[in-house]
Structures are given as C-alpha cells and as structure tokens.
Amino acid sequence: MPRLPKICIALGLLLAMAATAPAAELVDRVVAVVNGKLITLFDLNTRVAELVQRTQGVSLKPDDPRADELRRQVLDTMVTDLLIESETARLKINVSETELDNQIDELKKKNNLTQQQFVAELAKEGLTLQEFRKRLRDDSMKKRLLGYMVHRKVLVTDDEVRDYYEKNKDSLSTTRSITGPKVSGNIGFIMVPNVKQAEELRGKINSGALSFAEAAKKFSVGPGRDQGGDLGDVQVKDLAPPLRDALGAVPAGQVSAPVMLDGKAVLLVMRTGAAAKPAPAPAAPPAGGPGYDGVKDQIQETLYKEKFDKLFQAYIDNLRSKAVVEIKL
C-alpha cells in the first residue's frame, strides 16, 4: 500500500519554517519536456505549493537554495509521473473507481474502521480522502505496469522475514499505519521554540531522566513528534546542511547541540552507527521485542515494498534511458 513519500518529511527539514510566502512568478515557461509533453513552471509551482500546504502552512522564499533543491525533487517526480502515464496509456492499463472503492473497503474492514474513522485516520497522516485515492490509484497502476513489463515476481521468503525480525526486533512496533508500513529510521528529531528549552531537554536526555522519544512526544513541534521524533526512512543526505553538520559533530547515540532554524531550536540524534556510543536511556525496550507472529505481516509488507520499489525504479530508469527528456529548470 502507498505511504507518505519521504519528500513530505524532507520538505519540513529542507524548509524548516521559512516565514515569507513566495513571490508570484511573472512569466510562465517550460521547465521540462518528456516525450513531447510539457511541464510548465506554473505546474511545478502548483505541485510544490500543494506539498507546502500539507506541512502546516510552511512557506518558502524563491531565492532560497533549499527551495531550488525541493523544486528539483518535485520536478523529478513529475517527470516520472509522465513516463508512467505514457506507458500505462500505451498498454491500456487502468484502475477503475470501483476497484479503488473495493481496496478502500478492504482497508477499512482490515482496520475495523467506519468511513468517518477512516477519513480521520488519513487526516492524521496529512491526507484527504481524495489525495489518498490518487495515491492508491498511482500505486495500483505502478504494480500493474510492473506486472506487465517485468517477467519475474517480487518474492519475500519466510527466511527473509525471520532474518529481518531477528535483526530488528528490539526496534519493531505492533503499531501500524492504515496506509501501509512505515520503516523506522535512524534519525531522531526534536524541534522546540527556543535554545534554552532545547538545552534543558538535551541535559535531561543525556542524564537519562528522559528518553529522546519521550521528549519528542511531549515537547517537539516538528515532524515525527507522534513517532517519538522518528523521521522514518529519511537519510542524513536529505537533511538541510545545518542539520547534517550538527548530526555529524556528535557520535551516533548522542544528542546534538541545538541548531537554530528560523527562530526554533532543533535537537538530533543518530540512533545507530558503527561508532555508536549510545546516550543513557531510562529504560530498555521490552526483552526480546514484540512477538514474531505479531509483526511478521508488517515485516512481509515492508520487505515487499522495498523490493518492489527497487525493481520499479530500475524499470523507470530504463524508461528514462529510452525517453526524450529535456530539463530546463
């Protein structure tokens, strides 16, 4: 099932509360051509604005280099969308509204949710029902396209599931998102209003009086708060430069010094690493972690998603190599 793309979290980190709205573009122009189909600057800015709106009203300055990086990421996604659209049209692949309704009904039944509860759960993940239906359709189209064009199945064996469980059981959780599995990441993130509060929290975490996850849930105003500051599959390279520098200045397991981002203070921690020297914590995870039977379906979905994404990306890369793609951004 589809999940929130990493770019949605990266957006909050790249732009981190920039206060000024972008100035209106005076002249529209073509920023990419994909097999003769155009992507205009207006289209690109509209897509970026939609992402910004979904991150609690964060806005960006047009001359900010981080905004340029975001635009490039969004444009790359739009190019991929056009390639998929062309291939699905060529192969006459379609997903009907009835099929989407059936998939959503299965999700509601699986999670024992009414329609109202389902919509409320989507809202917690920053999605409207319309947005979720589009993502569900896109995901289904991708799977069908992959099934049409790749002559091998994505297979996850019982041994792979068991191996993943043994290696990650201490960090696994039985809590699941209705939109699909979310991969726990290595980066912890806390954003608070000022440096003083950040320093106080850092002291409590390092002394063992408070865990990083507890501090995030209680005090953070940034992304990943409800997950204890967990940013999912966001990587260090996805962070804004000041955050990367702060994280690189401390050993894995230790909390970084506060980093100022537009008047707010951020604390970071790399939870694992070869040179890890973990900060003291008040309590260890339950012995042995959750039971295998309670998380094996979650692991199966996670591993399937990883393999599917890798295979699909290889296919898209092949499409790009054959397509006429001109970037003019």
Protein backbone atom coordinates (compact mmCIF):
# COMPACT_ATOMS: atom_id res chain seq x y z
CA MET A 1 0.00 0.00 0.00
CA PRO A 2 1.19 3.52 -0.56
CA ARG A 3 2.73 5.50 2.23
CA LEU A 4 3.66 9.07 2.77
CA PRO A 5 6.58 9.81 0.48
CA LYS A 6 9.88 10.75 2.01
CA ILE A 7 9.77 14.13 0.28
CA CYS A 8 6.89 15.20 2.54
CA ILE A 9 9.12 14.82 5.61
CA ALA A 10 12.16 16.18 3.81
CA LEU A 11 10.14 19.26 2.96
CA GLY A 12 9.78 20.15 6.62
CA LEU A 13 13.51 19.66 7.11
CA LEU A 14 14.68 21.45 3.97
CA LEU A 15 12.49 24.48 4.51
CA ALA A 16 12.01 24.35 8.29
CA MET A 17 9.58 27.14 8.93
CA ALA A 18 10.67 29.79 6.41
CA ALA A 19 8.32 32.70 7.07
CA THR A 20 7.85 34.55 3.80
CA ALA A 21 5.49 33.37 1.06
CA PRO A 22 6.95 33.04 -2.43
CA ALA A 23 6.59 35.95 -4.80
CA ALA A 24 4.35 35.37 -7.82
CA GLU A 25 6.14 34.25 -10.96
CA LEU A 26 5.86 36.99 -13.57
CA VAL A 27 6.41 34.78 -16.60
CA ASP A 28 5.44 31.13 -17.07
CA ARG A 29 7.82 28.91 -19.00
CA VAL A 30 8.53 25.29 -19.84
CA VAL A 31 10.77 23.58 -17.27
CA ALA A 32 10.77 20.06 -18.74
CA VAL A 33 9.76 18.17 -21.87
CA VAL A 34 9.05 14.43 -21.64
CA ASN A 35 8.48 12.72 -24.97
CA GLY A 36 6.92 15.92 -26.29
CA LYS A 37 4.75 16.55 -23.20
CA LEU A 38 5.40 19.80 -21.36
CA ILE A 39 5.80 20.58 -17.68
CA THR A 40 5.48 24.30 -17.05
CA LEU A 41 6.81 26.41 -14.22
CA PHE A 42 3.19 27.02 -13.20
CA ASP A 43 2.60 23.24 -12.96
CA LEU A 44 5.75 22.80 -10.90
CA ASN A 45 4.99 25.66 -8.53
CA THR A 46 1.45 24.37 -8.06
CA ARG A 47 2.76 20.94 -7.05
CA VAL A 48 5.30 22.49 -4.67
CA ALA A 49 2.58 24.69 -3.14
CA GLU A 50 0.45 21.59 -2.51
CA LEU A 51 3.33 19.98 -0.62
CA VAL A 52 3.92 23.14 1.37
CA GLN A 53 0.25 23.36 2.30
CA ARG A 54 0.32 19.81 3.64
CA THR A 55 3.17 20.68 6.02
CA GLN A 56 1.22 23.02 8.28
CA GLY A 57 1.49 26.12 6.15
CA VAL A 58 5.26 26.19 5.75
CA SER A 59 6.23 28.63 3.02
CA LEU A 60 9.49 29.21 1.19
CA LYS A 61 11.44 32.05 -0.33
CA PRO A 62 12.01 31.72 -4.08
CA ASP A 63 15.67 32.70 -3.76
CA ASP A 64 16.41 30.09 -1.06
CA PRO A 65 18.80 27.42 -2.46
CA ARG A 66 16.92 24.81 -0.42
CA ALA A 67 13.78 25.76 -2.30
CA ASP A 68 15.63 25.05 -5.54
CA GLU A 69 16.51 21.58 -4.28
CA LEU A 70 12.88 20.94 -3.40
CA ARG A 71 11.78 22.06 -6.85
CA ARG A 72 14.26 19.69 -8.48
CA GLN A 73 12.93 16.79 -6.39
CA VAL A 74 9.32 17.60 -7.26
CA LEU A 75 10.18 18.04 -10.95
CA ASP A 76 11.86 14.64 -10.96
CA THR A 77 8.66 13.12 -9.56
CA MET A 78 6.59 14.89 -12.23
CA VAL A 79 8.84 13.53 -14.99
CA THR A 80 8.39 10.01 -13.59
CA ASP A 81 4.62 10.54 -13.48
CA LEU A 82 4.58 11.42 -17.18
CA LEU A 83 6.66 8.36 -18.07
CA ILE A 84 4.25 6.15 -16.14
CA GLU A 85 1.25 7.88 -17.71
CA SER A 86 2.64 7.27 -21.19
CA GLU A 87 3.37 3.61 -20.52
CA THR A 88 0.03 2.87 -18.88
CA ALA A 89 -1.76 4.57 -21.80
CA ARG A 90 0.30 2.62 -24.33
CA LEU A 91 -0.51 -0.64 -22.58
CA LYS A 92 -4.13 0.40 -21.89
CA ILE A 93 -3.71 -0.15 -18.15
CA ASN A 94 -6.41 1.35 -15.95
CA VAL A 95 -7.73 1.18 -12.40
CA SER A 96 -11.46 1.83 -12.11
CA GLU A 97 -13.24 3.76 -9.38
CA THR A 98 -14.96 0.53 -8.34
CA GLU A 99 -11.58 -1.15 -7.85
CA LEU A 100 -10.43 1.76 -5.69
CA ASP A 101 -13.65 1.55 -3.66
CA ASN A 102 -13.08 -2.15 -3.10
CA GLN A 103 -9.48 -1.61 -1.98
CA ILE A 104 -10.56 1.10 0.46
CA ASP A 105 -13.37 -1.12 1.79
CA GLU A 106 -10.79 -3.84 2.41
CA LEU A 107 -8.59 -1.38 4.28
CA LYS A 108 -11.49 -0.25 6.45
CA LYS A 109 -12.51 -3.83 7.17
CA LYS A 110 -8.94 -4.87 7.95
CA ASN A 111 -8.55 -1.99 10.43
CA ASN A 112 -12.13 -2.20 11.74
CA LEU A 113 -12.89 1.42 10.81
CA THR A 114 -16.03 3.22 9.76
CA GLN A 115 -15.86 5.65 6.85
CA GLN A 116 -15.67 8.59 9.26
CA GLN A 117 -12.90 6.94 11.29
CA PHE A 118 -11.01 6.08 8.11
CA VAL A 119 -11.08 9.70 6.94
CA ALA A 120 -9.96 10.83 10.41
CA GLU A 121 -7.01 8.43 10.33
CA LEU A 122 -6.00 9.73 6.90
CA ALA A 123 -6.11 13.28 8.25
CA LYS A 124 -3.64 12.29 10.99
CA GLU A 125 -1.22 11.33 8.22
CA GLY A 126 -1.76 14.58 6.33
CA LEU A 127 -4.02 13.16 3.63
CA THR A 128 -7.52 13.87 2.39
CA LEU A 129 -9.61 11.02 1.03
CA GLN A 130 -9.19 12.42 -2.49
CA GLU A 131 -5.40 12.54 -2.13
CA PHE A 132 -5.34 9.01 -0.76
CA ARG A 133 -7.44 7.71 -3.66
CA LYS A 134 -4.99 9.28 -6.12
CA ARG A 135 -2.03 7.69 -4.34
CA LEU A 136 -3.85 4.37 -4.22
CA ARG A 137 -4.56 4.61 -7.95
CA ASP A 138 -0.93 5.54 -8.73
CA ASP A 139 0.34 2.66 -6.60
CA SER A 140 -2.03 0.20 -8.29
CA MET A 141 -1.03 1.46 -11.74
CA LYS A 142 2.63 1.02 -10.88
CA LYS A 143 2.05 -2.54 -9.72
CA ARG A 144 0.11 -3.37 -12.87
CA LEU A 145 2.74 -1.75 -15.04
CA LEU A 146 5.43 -3.73 -13.29
CA GLY A 147 3.39 -6.91 -13.72
CA TYR A 148 3.01 -6.23 -17.44
CA MET A 149 6.64 -5.41 -18.13
CA VAL A 150 8.83 -7.31 -15.67
CA HIS A 151 8.93 -11.07 -16.11
CA ARG A 152 9.71 -12.02 -12.54
CA LYS A 153 7.78 -11.73 -9.30
CA VAL A 154 8.72 -9.84 -6.19
CA LEU A 155 9.18 -12.66 -3.70
CA VAL A 156 9.74 -12.38 0.04
CA THR A 157 10.66 -15.68 1.67
CA ASP A 158 9.89 -16.83 5.21
CA ASP A 159 13.64 -16.94 5.88
CA GLU A 160 13.98 -13.27 4.89
CA VAL A 161 11.11 -12.29 7.19
CA ARG A 162 12.58 -14.25 10.09
CA ASP A 163 16.07 -12.80 9.48
CA TYR A 164 14.67 -9.23 9.43
CA TYR A 165 12.82 -9.93 12.67
CA GLU A 166 15.90 -11.26 14.46
CA LYS A 167 17.98 -8.25 13.39
CA ASN A 168 15.35 -5.58 14.16
CA LYS A 169 13.02 -7.00 16.81
CA ASP A 170 14.15 -4.57 19.51
CA SER A 171 13.03 -1.60 17.39
CA LEU A 172 9.85 -3.10 15.90
CA SER A 173 6.42 -1.93 16.93
CA THR A 174 3.00 -3.51 16.54
CA THR A 175 1.51 -0.05 15.86
CA ARG A 176 0.70 0.26 12.17
CA SER A 177 -0.43 2.97 9.79
CA ILE A 178 -3.63 2.33 7.83
CA THR A 179 -1.84 3.49 4.66
CA GLY A 180 0.83 0.84 4.92
CA PRO A 181 4.10 0.03 6.68
CA LYS A 182 6.47 2.73 7.75
CA VAL A 183 10.13 1.96 8.12
CA SER A 184 11.70 3.06 11.37
CA GLY A 185 14.67 5.28 10.69
CA ASN A 186 17.93 6.09 12.41
CA ILE A 187 17.42 9.84 12.80
CA GLY A 188 15.67 11.34 15.81
CA PHE A 189 14.37 14.91 15.52
CA ILE A 190 13.05 17.35 18.12
CA MET A 191 12.06 20.96 17.40
CA VAL A 192 11.25 23.34 20.27
CA PRO A 193 10.59 27.10 20.45
CA ASN A 194 13.97 28.24 21.84
CA VAL A 195 17.57 27.28 22.64
CA LYS A 196 17.02 27.34 26.39
CA GLN A 197 14.34 24.67 26.19
CA ALA A 198 16.48 22.65 23.79
CA GLU A 199 19.47 22.76 26.14
CA GLU A 200 17.29 21.69 29.07
CA LEU A 201 15.87 18.76 27.10
CA ARG A 202 19.32 17.77 25.90
CA GLY A 203 20.56 17.69 29.50
CA LYS A 204 17.64 15.54 30.65
CA ILE A 205 18.08 13.11 27.76
CA ASN A 206 21.84 12.78 28.29
CA SER A 207 21.37 12.28 32.04
CA GLY A 208 18.82 9.52 31.48
CA ALA A 209 15.99 11.46 33.15
CA LEU A 210 14.06 11.47 29.87
CA SER A 211 14.35 9.39 26.70
CA PHE A 212 14.64 11.09 23.32
CA ALA A 213 11.31 9.58 22.23
CA GLU A 214 9.54 10.80 25.39
CA ALA A 215 10.97 14.29 24.94
CA ALA A 216 9.84 14.38 21.32
CA LYS A 217 6.30 13.29 22.12
CA LYS A 218 5.93 15.76 24.96
CA PHE A 219 7.71 18.84 23.68
CA SER A 220 8.52 18.72 19.95
CA VAL A 221 6.65 20.94 17.50
CA GLY A 222 8.36 19.40 14.47
CA PRO A 223 7.84 16.40 12.16
CA GLY A 224 7.80 12.91 13.66
CA ARG A 225 6.52 14.09 17.04
CA ASP A 226 3.88 11.35 17.40
CA GLN A 227 6.52 8.75 16.48
CA GLY A 228 8.90 9.88 19.20
CA GLY A 229 10.90 12.03 16.82
CA ASP A 230 11.37 9.16 14.35
CA LEU A 231 11.74 10.53 10.81
CA GLY A 232 11.15 7.18 9.12
CA ASP A 233 13.31 6.46 6.08
CA VAL A 234 14.75 9.96 5.85
CA GLN A 235 18.53 9.77 5.38
CA VAL A 236 21.26 12.16 6.52
CA LYS A 237 21.65 13.37 2.93
CA ASP A 238 18.00 14.51 2.98
CA LEU A 239 18.62 16.95 5.83
CA ALA A 240 19.30 20.63 5.44
CA PRO A 241 23.07 21.43 5.68
CA PRO A 242 22.93 22.89 9.24
CA LEU A 243 21.22 19.72 10.46
CA ARG A 244 23.73 17.47 8.70
CA ASP A 245 26.60 19.39 10.26
CA ALA A 246 25.13 19.18 13.76
CA LEU A 247 24.47 15.47 13.45
CA GLY A 248 27.98 14.85 12.14
CA ALA A 249 29.53 16.71 15.08
CA VAL A 250 28.47 14.10 17.68
CA PRO A 251 28.91 10.32 17.84
CA ALA A 252 25.93 8.13 16.99
CA GLY A 253 23.67 7.75 20.00
CA GLN A 254 24.46 11.19 21.42
CA VAL A 255 22.18 14.20 21.12
CA SER A 256 23.45 17.09 19.01
CA ALA A 257 23.84 20.63 20.22
CA PRO A 258 20.81 22.81 19.37
CA VAL A 259 20.59 24.06 15.78
CA MET A 260 18.63 27.23 15.06
CA LEU A 261 16.19 27.14 12.14
CA ASP A 262 14.19 30.34 11.67
CA GLY A 263 13.90 31.05 15.38
CA LYS A 264 13.31 27.47 16.52
CA ALA A 265 15.84 25.09 18.07
CA VAL A 266 16.38 21.54 16.80
CA LEU A 267 17.97 18.55 18.53
CA LEU A 268 19.06 15.49 16.54
CA VAL A 269 20.35 12.02 17.27
CA MET A 270 21.65 9.22 15.07
CA ARG A 271 20.26 6.14 16.77
CA THR A 272 22.64 3.60 15.20
CA GLY A 273 26.10 3.58 13.66
CA ALA A 274 29.43 1.78 13.57
CA ALA A 275 30.91 4.17 16.10
CA ALA A 276 27.75 4.32 18.20
CA LYS A 277 28.15 5.30 21.81
CA PRO A 278 24.53 5.45 22.95
CA ALA A 279 23.37 8.13 25.32
CA PRO A 280 21.99 6.79 28.64
CA ALA A 281 18.33 5.87 28.50
CA PRO A 282 15.91 5.34 31.37
CA ALA A 283 14.54 2.06 30.08
CA ALA A 284 15.40 -0.58 27.52
CA PRO A 285 12.86 -1.97 25.03
CA PRO A 286 10.85 -4.97 26.26
CA ALA A 287 13.02 -8.08 26.42
CA GLY A 288 13.04 -9.77 23.04
CA GLY A 289 10.83 -7.12 21.43
CA PRO A 290 7.33 -7.89 20.12
CA GLY A 291 6.45 -11.47 19.26
CA TYR A 292 7.22 -12.72 15.76
CA ASP A 293 3.60 -13.57 14.96
CA GLY A 294 2.52 -10.04 15.88
CA VAL A 295 4.82 -8.34 13.37
CA LYS A 296 5.54 -10.88 10.63
CA ASP A 297 2.84 -9.48 8.31
CA GLN A 298 4.24 -5.98 8.83
CA ILE A 299 7.75 -7.21 8.01
CA GLN A 300 6.44 -9.06 4.94
CA GLU A 301 4.85 -5.84 3.65
CA THR A 302 7.93 -3.78 4.43
CA LEU A 303 10.30 -6.15 2.62
CA TYR A 304 7.89 -6.47 -0.31
CA LYS A 305 7.70 -2.68 -0.59
CA GLU A 306 11.49 -2.36 -0.54
CA LYS A 307 11.93 -4.98 -3.26
CA PHE A 308 9.07 -3.62 -5.33
CA ASP A 309 10.39 -0.04 -5.17
CA LYS A 310 13.87 -1.17 -6.20
CA LEU A 311 12.53 -3.18 -9.12
CA PHE A 312 10.17 -0.45 -10.21
CA GLN A 313 12.92 2.20 -10.04
CA ALA A 314 15.10 0.05 -12.28
CA TYR A 315 12.24 -0.13 -14.76
CA ILE A 316 11.67 3.64 -14.62
CA ASP A 317 15.40 4.23 -15.14
CA ASN A 318 15.17 2.06 -18.23
CA LEU A 319 12.20 4.06 -19.48
CA ARG A 320 14.13 7.29 -18.92
CA SER A 321 17.08 5.98 -20.89
CA LYS A 322 14.81 5.42 -23.88
CA ALA A 323 12.71 8.57 -23.49
CA VAL A 324 13.46 12.08 -24.74
CA VAL A 325 13.65 14.06 -21.51
CA GLU A 326 14.83 17.67 -21.52
CA ILE A 327 15.13 19.54 -18.23
CA LYS A 328 15.11 23.33 -18.47
CA LEU A 329 14.86 24.32 -14.81
